[in-house]
Amino acid sequence: MQHVNVHEAKTHLSRLLAQVLAGEEIIISKSGKPVAKLSPCGSENTKKRKAGLLKGKIRISPDFDAPLPKALLAKFEA
């Protein structure tokens, strides 16, 4: 994975995009700290998720959709 600073990214954006299209990921840093990642669109979620994967691991309380207590509701409406 290639690391570039903001100035270099602005100066060589076309070249960097060509590298991204070739499948490479590029980290852009500001003051030496990573702030963004250039990667091909759609590369993050290429795996299909299987339905029901967390079955039995998540519990929803029976009063999940019950009205909020008046004191808490007042804080939201303030």
PDB file of N, CA and C in Angstrom:
ATOM      1  N   MET A   1       0.848  -1.175   0.000  1.00  0.00           N
ATOM      2  CA  MET A   1       0.000   0.000   0.000  1.00  0.00           C
ATOM      3  C   MET A   1       0.894   1.239   0.000  1.00  0.00           C
ATOM      4  N   GLN A   2       0.613   2.134  -0.895  1.00  0.00           N
ATOM      5  CA  GLN A   2       1.420   3.341  -1.063  1.00  0.00           C
ATOM      6  C   GLN A   2       0.884   4.464  -0.165  1.00  0.00           C
ATOM      7  N   HIS A   3       1.802   5.247   0.424  1.00  0.00           N
ATOM      8  CA  HIS A   3       1.435   6.392   1.247  1.00  0.00           C
ATOM      9  C   HIS A   3       1.923   7.661   0.558  1.00  0.00           C
ATOM     10  N   VAL A   4       1.037   8.676   0.473  1.00  0.00           N
ATOM     11  CA  VAL A   4       1.414   9.955  -0.126  1.00  0.00           C
ATOM     12  C   VAL A   4       0.888  11.074   0.763  1.00  0.00           C
ATOM     13  N   ASN A   5       1.521  12.248   0.678  1.00  0.00           N
ATOM     14  CA  ASN A   5       0.998  13.384   1.433  1.00  0.00           C
ATOM     15  C   ASN A   5      -0.030  14.131   0.576  1.00  0.00           C
ATOM     16  N   VAL A   6      -0.726  15.072   1.184  1.00  0.00           N
ATOM     17  CA  VAL A   6      -1.801  15.786   0.494  1.00  0.00           C
ATOM     18  C   VAL A   6      -1.278  16.528  -0.736  1.00  0.00           C
ATOM     19  N   HIS A   7      -0.144  17.196  -0.605  1.00  0.00           N
ATOM     20  CA  HIS A   7       0.406  17.948  -1.735  1.00  0.00           C
ATOM     21  C   HIS A   7       0.687  17.012  -2.917  1.00  0.00           C
ATOM     22  N   GLU A   8       1.322  15.883  -2.639  1.00  0.00           N
ATOM     23  CA  GLU A   8       1.618  14.927  -3.706  1.00  0.00           C
ATOM     24  C   GLU A   8       0.330  14.374  -4.323  1.00  0.00           C
ATOM     25  N   ALA A   9      -0.685  14.131  -3.494  1.00  0.00           N
ATOM     26  CA  ALA A   9      -1.960  13.612  -4.001  1.00  0.00           C
ATOM     27  C   ALA A   9      -2.619  14.625  -4.940  1.00  0.00           C
ATOM     28  N   LYS A  10      -2.576  15.910  -4.566  1.00  0.00           N
ATOM     29  CA  LYS A  10      -3.161  16.939  -5.430  1.00  0.00           C
ATOM     30  C   LYS A  10      -2.372  17.078  -6.730  1.00  0.00           C
ATOM     31  N   THR A  11      -1.057  16.990  -6.634  1.00  0.00           N
ATOM     32  CA  THR A  11      -0.205  17.174  -7.803  1.00  0.00           C
ATOM     33  C   THR A  11      -0.308  16.007  -8.775  1.00  0.00           C
ATOM     34  N   HIS A  12      -0.439  14.797  -8.258  1.00  0.00           N
ATOM     35  CA  HIS A  12      -0.387  13.588  -9.098  1.00  0.00           C
ATOM     36  C   HIS A  12      -1.686  12.780  -9.030  1.00  0.00           C
ATOM     37  N   LEU A  13      -2.820  13.459  -8.904  1.00  0.00           N
ATOM     38  CA  LEU A  13      -4.086  12.742  -8.752  1.00  0.00           C
ATOM     39  C   LEU A  13      -4.370  11.791  -9.913  1.00  0.00           C
ATOM     40  N   SER A  14      -4.140  12.211 -11.131  1.00  0.00           N
ATOM     41  CA  SER A  14      -4.416  11.346 -12.286  1.00  0.00           C
ATOM     42  C   SER A  14      -3.583  10.071 -12.230  1.00  0.00           C
ATOM     43  N   ARG A  15      -2.315  10.203 -11.897  1.00  0.00           N
ATOM     44  CA  ARG A  15      -1.435   9.030 -11.786  1.00  0.00           C
ATOM     45  C   ARG A  15      -1.907   8.107 -10.661  1.00  0.00           C
ATOM     46  N   LEU A  16      -2.292   8.698  -9.527  1.00  0.00           N
ATOM     47  CA  LEU A  16      -2.764   7.898  -8.397  1.00  0.00           C
ATOM     48  C   LEU A  16      -4.061   7.162  -8.739  1.00  0.00           C
ATOM     49  N   LEU A  17      -4.960   7.845  -9.465  1.00  0.00           N
ATOM     50  CA  LEU A  17      -6.201   7.184  -9.867  1.00  0.00           C
ATOM     51  C   LEU A  17      -5.939   6.021 -10.816  1.00  0.00           C
ATOM     52  N   ALA A  18      -4.950   6.171 -11.678  1.00  0.00           N
ATOM     53  CA  ALA A  18      -4.580   5.065 -12.574  1.00  0.00           C
ATOM     54  C   ALA A  18      -4.097   3.870 -11.755  1.00  0.00           C
ATOM     55  N   GLN A  19      -3.346   4.134 -10.709  1.00  0.00           N
ATOM     56  CA  GLN A  19      -2.874   3.051  -9.843  1.00  0.00           C
ATOM     57  C   GLN A  19      -4.046   2.393  -9.115  1.00  0.00           C
ATOM     58  N   VAL A  20      -5.008   3.198  -8.683  1.00  0.00           N
ATOM     59  CA  VAL A  20      -6.188   2.666  -8.004  1.00  0.00           C
ATOM     60  C   VAL A  20      -6.984   1.786  -8.962  1.00  0.00           C
ATOM     61  N   LEU A  21      -7.135   2.231 -10.203  1.00  0.00           N
ATOM     62  CA  LEU A  21      -7.845   1.424 -11.198  1.00  0.00           C
ATOM     63  C   LEU A  21      -7.143   0.099 -11.462  1.00  0.00           C
ATOM     64  N   ALA A  22      -5.836   0.068 -11.223  1.00  0.00           N
ATOM     65  CA  ALA A  22      -5.073  -1.167 -11.386  1.00  0.00           C
ATOM     66  C   ALA A  22      -5.184  -2.059 -10.152  1.00  0.00           C
ATOM     67  N   GLY A  23      -5.937  -1.596  -9.131  1.00  0.00           N
ATOM     68  CA  GLY A  23      -6.177  -2.437  -7.961  1.00  0.00           C
ATOM     69  C   GLY A  23      -5.397  -2.056  -6.720  1.00  0.00           C
ATOM     70  N   GLU A  24      -4.577  -1.029  -6.792  1.00  0.00           N
ATOM     71  CA  GLU A  24      -3.762  -0.629  -5.648  1.00  0.00           C
ATOM     72  C   GLU A  24      -4.563   0.289  -4.723  1.00  0.00           C
ATOM     73  N   GLU A  25      -4.279   0.241  -3.425  1.00  0.00           N
ATOM     74  CA  GLU A  25      -4.873   1.166  -2.463  1.00  0.00           C
ATOM     75  C   GLU A  25      -3.816   2.181  -2.064  1.00  0.00           C
ATOM     76  N   ILE A  26      -4.224   3.430  -1.872  1.00  0.00           N
ATOM     77  CA  ILE A  26      -3.290   4.505  -1.572  1.00  0.00           C
ATOM     78  C   ILE A  26      -3.800   5.260  -0.347  1.00  0.00           C
ATOM     79  N   ILE A  27      -2.918   5.466   0.633  1.00  0.00           N
ATOM     80  CA  ILE A  27      -3.244   6.218   1.834  1.00  0.00           C
ATOM     81  C   ILE A  27      -2.753   7.648   1.660  1.00  0.00           C
ATOM     82  N   ILE A  28      -3.622   8.632   1.931  1.00  0.00           N
ATOM     83  CA  ILE A  28      -3.247  10.039   1.868  1.00  0.00           C
ATOM     84  C   ILE A  28      -3.088  10.536   3.301  1.00  0.00           C
ATOM     85  N   SER A  29      -1.935  11.153   3.584  1.00  0.00           N
ATOM     86  CA  SER A  29      -1.630  11.628   4.933  1.00  0.00           C
ATOM     87  C   SER A  29      -1.508  13.139   4.963  1.00  0.00           C
ATOM     88  N   LYS A  30      -1.862  13.713   6.100  1.00  0.00           N
ATOM     89  CA  LYS A  30      -1.694  15.147   6.336  1.00  0.00           C
ATOM     90  C   LYS A  30      -0.886  15.282   7.620  1.00  0.00           C
ATOM     91  N   SER A  31       0.219  15.981   7.545  1.00  0.00           N
ATOM     92  CA  SER A  31       1.128  16.137   8.685  1.00  0.00           C
ATOM     93  C   SER A  31       1.572  14.776   9.215  1.00  0.00           C
ATOM     94  N   GLY A  32       1.765  13.826   8.317  1.00  0.00           N
ATOM     95  CA  GLY A  32       2.246  12.500   8.697  1.00  0.00           C
ATOM     96  C   GLY A  32       1.197  11.567   9.265  1.00  0.00           C
ATOM     97  N   LYS A  33      -0.066  12.006   9.344  1.00  0.00           N
ATOM     98  CA  LYS A  33      -1.130  11.160   9.885  1.00  0.00           C
ATOM     99  C   LYS A  33      -2.104  10.776   8.773  1.00  0.00           C
ATOM    100  N   PRO A  34      -2.407   9.489   8.624  1.00  0.00           N
ATOM    101  CA  PRO A  34      -3.339   9.044   7.584  1.00  0.00           C
ATOM    102  C   PRO A  34      -4.723   9.665   7.776  1.00  0.00           C
ATOM    103  N   VAL A  35      -5.288  10.206   6.690  1.00  0.00           N
ATOM    104  CA  VAL A  35      -6.615  10.812   6.770  1.00  0.00           C
ATOM    105  C   VAL A  35      -7.597  10.248   5.746  1.00  0.00           C
ATOM    106  N   ALA A  36      -7.105   9.609   4.692  1.00  0.00           N
ATOM    107  CA  ALA A  36      -8.013   9.087   3.668  1.00  0.00           C
ATOM    108  C   ALA A  36      -7.363   7.905   2.956  1.00  0.00           C
ATOM    109  N   LYS A  37      -8.223   7.084   2.346  1.00  0.00           N
ATOM    110  CA  LYS A  37      -7.733   5.943   1.577  1.00  0.00           C
ATOM    111  C   LYS A  37      -8.388   5.964   0.210  1.00  0.00           C
ATOM    112  N   LEU A  38      -7.570   5.917  -0.836  1.00  0.00           N
ATOM    113  CA  LEU A  38      -8.086   5.771  -2.201  1.00  0.00           C
ATOM    114  C   LEU A  38      -8.117   4.284  -2.515  1.00  0.00           C
ATOM    115  N   SER A  39      -9.273   3.792  -2.895  1.00  0.00           N
ATOM    116  CA  SER A  39      -9.387   2.385  -3.270  1.00  0.00           C
ATOM    117  C   SER A  39     -10.460   2.266  -4.346  1.00  0.00           C
ATOM    118  N   PRO A  40     -10.436   1.207  -5.122  1.00  0.00           N
ATOM    119  CA  PRO A  40     -11.442   1.045  -6.177  1.00  0.00           C
ATOM    120  C   PRO A  40     -12.850   0.989  -5.581  1.00  0.00           C
ATOM    121  N   CYS A  41     -13.806   1.611  -6.247  1.00  0.00           N
ATOM    122  CA  CYS A  41     -15.195   1.582  -5.785  1.00  0.00           C
ATOM    123  C   CYS A  41     -15.703   0.148  -5.751  1.00  0.00           C
ATOM    124  N   GLY A  42     -16.421  -0.165  -4.675  1.00  0.00           N
ATOM    125  CA  GLY A  42     -16.999  -1.494  -4.558  1.00  0.00           C
ATOM    126  C   GLY A  42     -16.044  -2.552  -4.065  1.00  0.00           C
ATOM    127  N   SER A  43     -14.809  -2.171  -3.737  1.00  0.00           N
ATOM    128  CA  SER A  43     -13.841  -3.182  -3.319  1.00  0.00           C
ATOM    129  C   SER A  43     -14.035  -3.616  -1.877  1.00  0.00           C
ATOM    130  N   GLU A  44     -14.738  -2.826  -1.067  1.00  0.00           N
ATOM    131  CA  GLU A  44     -14.904  -3.145   0.342  1.00  0.00           C
ATOM    132  C   GLU A  44     -15.919  -4.262   0.591  1.00  0.00           C
ATOM    133  N   ASN A  45     -17.021  -4.261  -0.143  1.00  0.00           N
ATOM    134  CA  ASN A  45     -18.110  -5.199   0.126  1.00  0.00           C
ATOM    135  C   ASN A  45     -18.345  -6.139  -1.045  1.00  0.00           C
ATOM    136  N   THR A  46     -17.336  -6.847  -1.452  1.00  0.00           N
ATOM    137  CA  THR A  46     -17.508  -7.751  -2.578  1.00  0.00           C
ATOM    138  C   THR A  46     -18.072  -9.102  -2.145  1.00  0.00           C
ATOM    139  N   LYS A  47     -17.990  -9.423  -0.846  1.00  0.00           N
ATOM    140  CA  LYS A  47     -18.528 -10.687  -0.359  1.00  0.00           C
ATOM    141  C   LYS A  47     -20.022 -10.550  -0.104  1.00  0.00           C
ATOM    142  N   LYS A  48     -20.772 -11.569  -0.468  1.00  0.00           N
ATOM    143  CA  LYS A  48     -22.199 -11.599  -0.163  1.00  0.00           C
ATOM    144  C   LYS A  48     -22.358 -11.996   1.302  1.00  0.00           C
ATOM    145  N   ARG A  49     -23.254 -11.302   1.998  1.00  0.00           N
ATOM    146  CA  ARG A  49     -23.511 -11.642   3.390  1.00  0.00           C
ATOM    147  C   ARG A  49     -24.575 -12.720   3.463  1.00  0.00           C
ATOM    148  N   LYS A  50     -24.399 -13.636   4.381  1.00  0.00           N
ATOM    149  CA  LYS A  50     -25.336 -14.735   4.543  1.00  0.00           C
ATOM    150  C   LYS A  50     -26.405 -14.332   5.553  1.00  0.00           C
ATOM    151  N   ALA A  51     -27.673 -14.449   5.180  1.00  0.00           N
ATOM    152  CA  ALA A  51     -28.779 -14.107   6.068  1.00  0.00           C
ATOM    153  C   ALA A  51     -28.810 -15.053   7.264  1.00  0.00           C
ATOM    154  N   GLY A  52     -29.109 -14.498   8.437  1.00  0.00           N
ATOM    155  CA  GLY A  52     -29.246 -15.315   9.637  1.00  0.00           C
ATOM    156  C   GLY A  52     -27.941 -15.656  10.311  1.00  0.00           C
ATOM    157  N   LEU A  53     -26.871 -15.002   9.946  1.00  0.00           N
ATOM    158  CA  LEU A  53     -25.556 -15.324  10.495  1.00  0.00           C
ATOM    159  C   LEU A  53     -25.495 -15.128  12.011  1.00  0.00           C
ATOM    160  N   LEU A  54     -26.240 -14.174  12.543  1.00  0.00           N
ATOM    161  CA  LEU A  54     -26.227 -13.899  13.986  1.00  0.00           C
ATOM    162  C   LEU A  54     -27.449 -14.466  14.710  1.00  0.00           C
ATOM    163  N   LYS A  55     -28.155 -15.386  14.083  1.00  0.00           N
ATOM    164  CA  LYS A  55     -29.345 -15.961  14.693  1.00  0.00           C
ATOM    165  C   LYS A  55     -28.991 -16.596  16.039  1.00  0.00           C
ATOM    166  N   GLY A  56     -29.761 -16.234  17.049  1.00  0.00           N
ATOM    167  CA  GLY A  56     -29.531 -16.768  18.388  1.00  0.00           C
ATOM    168  C   GLY A  56     -28.502 -15.978  19.182  1.00  0.00           C
ATOM    169  N   LYS A  57     -27.826 -15.008  18.573  1.00  0.00           N
ATOM    170  CA  LYS A  57     -26.806 -14.226  19.262  1.00  0.00           C
ATOM    171  C   LYS A  57     -27.296 -12.835  19.634  1.00  0.00           C
ATOM    172  N   ILE A  58     -28.439 -12.429  19.096  1.00  0.00           N
ATOM    173  CA  ILE A  58     -28.986 -11.108  19.371  1.00  0.00           C
ATOM    174  C   ILE A  58     -30.346 -11.287  20.028  1.00  0.00           C
ATOM    175  N   ARG A  59     -30.553 -10.507  21.109  1.00  0.00           N
ATOM    176  CA  ARG A  59     -31.827 -10.582  21.828  1.00  0.00           C
ATOM    177  C   ARG A  59     -32.453  -9.197  21.829  1.00  0.00           C
ATOM    178  N   ILE A  60     -33.731  -9.124  21.509  1.00  0.00           N
ATOM    179  CA  ILE A  60     -34.472  -7.872  21.544  1.00  0.00           C
ATOM    180  C   ILE A  60     -35.469  -7.963  22.689  1.00  0.00           C
ATOM    181  N   SER A  61     -35.411  -6.975  23.550  1.00  0.00           N
ATOM    182  CA  SER A  61     -36.270  -6.938  24.728  1.00  0.00           C
ATOM    183  C   SER A  61     -37.746  -6.895  24.311  1.00  0.00           C
ATOM    184  N   PRO A  62     -38.627  -7.567  25.071  1.00  0.00           N
ATOM    185  CA  PRO A  62     -40.058  -7.548  24.726  1.00  0.00           C
ATOM    186  C   PRO A  62     -40.653  -6.141  24.725  1.00  0.00           C
ATOM    187  N   ASP A  63     -40.084  -5.226  25.512  1.00  0.00           N
ATOM    188  CA  ASP A  63     -40.610  -3.857  25.570  1.00  0.00           C
ATOM    189  C   ASP A  63     -39.824  -2.903  24.668  1.00  0.00           C
ATOM    190  N   PHE A  64     -39.199  -3.438  23.641  1.00  0.00           N
ATOM    191  CA  PHE A  64     -38.370  -2.652  22.724  1.00  0.00           C
ATOM    192  C   PHE A  64     -39.096  -1.432  22.178  1.00  0.00           C
ATOM    193  N   ASP A  65     -40.337  -1.598  21.783  1.00  0.00           N
ATOM    194  CA  ASP A  65     -41.075  -0.495  21.165  1.00  0.00           C
ATOM    195  C   ASP A  65     -42.085   0.149  22.115  1.00  0.00           C
ATOM    196  N   ALA A  66     -41.904  -0.060  23.427  1.00  0.00           N
ATOM    197  CA  ALA A  66     -42.784   0.562  24.419  1.00  0.00           C
ATOM    198  C   ALA A  66     -42.511   2.067  24.471  1.00  0.00           C
ATOM    199  N   PRO A  67     -43.508   2.845  24.858  1.00  0.00           N
ATOM    200  CA  PRO A  67     -43.294   4.293  24.964  1.00  0.00           C
ATOM    201  C   PRO A  67     -42.197   4.618  25.979  1.00  0.00           C
ATOM    202  N   LEU A  68     -41.476   5.709  25.727  1.00  0.00           N
ATOM    203  CA  LEU A  68     -40.427   6.142  26.642  1.00  0.00           C
ATOM    204  C   LEU A  68     -41.047   6.718  27.913  1.00  0.00           C
ATOM    205  N   PRO A  69     -40.317   6.630  29.043  1.00  0.00           N
ATOM    206  CA  PRO A  69     -40.810   7.297  30.261  1.00  0.00           C
ATOM    207  C   PRO A  69     -40.936   8.799  29.997  1.00  0.00           C
ATOM    208  N   LYS A  70     -41.900   9.449  30.637  1.00  0.00           N
ATOM    209  CA  LYS A  70     -42.186  10.867  30.374  1.00  0.00           C
ATOM    210  C   LYS A  70     -40.975  11.751  30.626  1.00  0.00           C
ATOM    211  N   ALA A  71     -40.173  11.469  31.647  1.00  0.00           N
ATOM    212  CA  ALA A  71     -39.000  12.295  31.949  1.00  0.00           C
ATOM    213  C   ALA A  71     -37.973  12.214  30.819  1.00  0.00           C
ATOM    214  N   LEU A  72     -37.742  11.019  30.298  1.00  0.00           N
ATOM    215  CA  LEU A  72     -36.783  10.858  29.196  1.00  0.00           C
ATOM    216  C   LEU A  72     -37.321  11.462  27.906  1.00  0.00           C
ATOM    217  N   LEU A  73     -38.590  11.282  27.649  1.00  0.00           N
ATOM    218  CA  LEU A  73     -39.198  11.845  26.461  1.00  0.00           C
ATOM    219  C   LEU A  73     -39.110  13.382  26.464  1.00  0.00           C
ATOM    220  N   ALA A  74     -39.266  13.975  27.632  1.00  0.00           N
ATOM    221  CA  ALA A  74     -39.183  15.431  27.760  1.00  0.00           C
ATOM    222  C   ALA A  74     -37.794  15.920  27.395  1.00  0.00           C
ATOM    223  N   LYS A  75     -36.751  15.158  27.719  1.00  0.00           N
ATOM    224  CA  LYS A  75     -35.380  15.554  27.367  1.00  0.00           C
ATOM    225  C   LYS A  75     -35.174  15.549  25.852  1.00  0.00           C
ATOM    226  N   PHE A  76     -35.800  14.601  25.164  1.00  0.00           N
ATOM    227  CA  PHE A  76     -35.679  14.557  23.705  1.00  0.00           C
ATOM    228  C   PHE A  76     -36.440  15.699  23.049  1.00  0.00           C
ATOM    229  N   GLU A  77     -37.547  16.086  23.633  1.00  0.00           N
ATOM    230  CA  GLU A  77     -38.404  17.104  23.045  1.00  0.00           C
ATOM    231  C   GLU A  77     -38.014  18.522  23.451  1.00  0.00           C
ATOM    232  N   ALA A  78     -37.042  18.652  24.351  1.00  0.00           N
ATOM    233  CA  ALA A  78     -36.633  19.999  24.832  1.00  0.00           C
ATOM    234  C   ALA A  78     -35.943  20.799  23.762  1.00  0.00           C
TER     235      ALA A  78
END
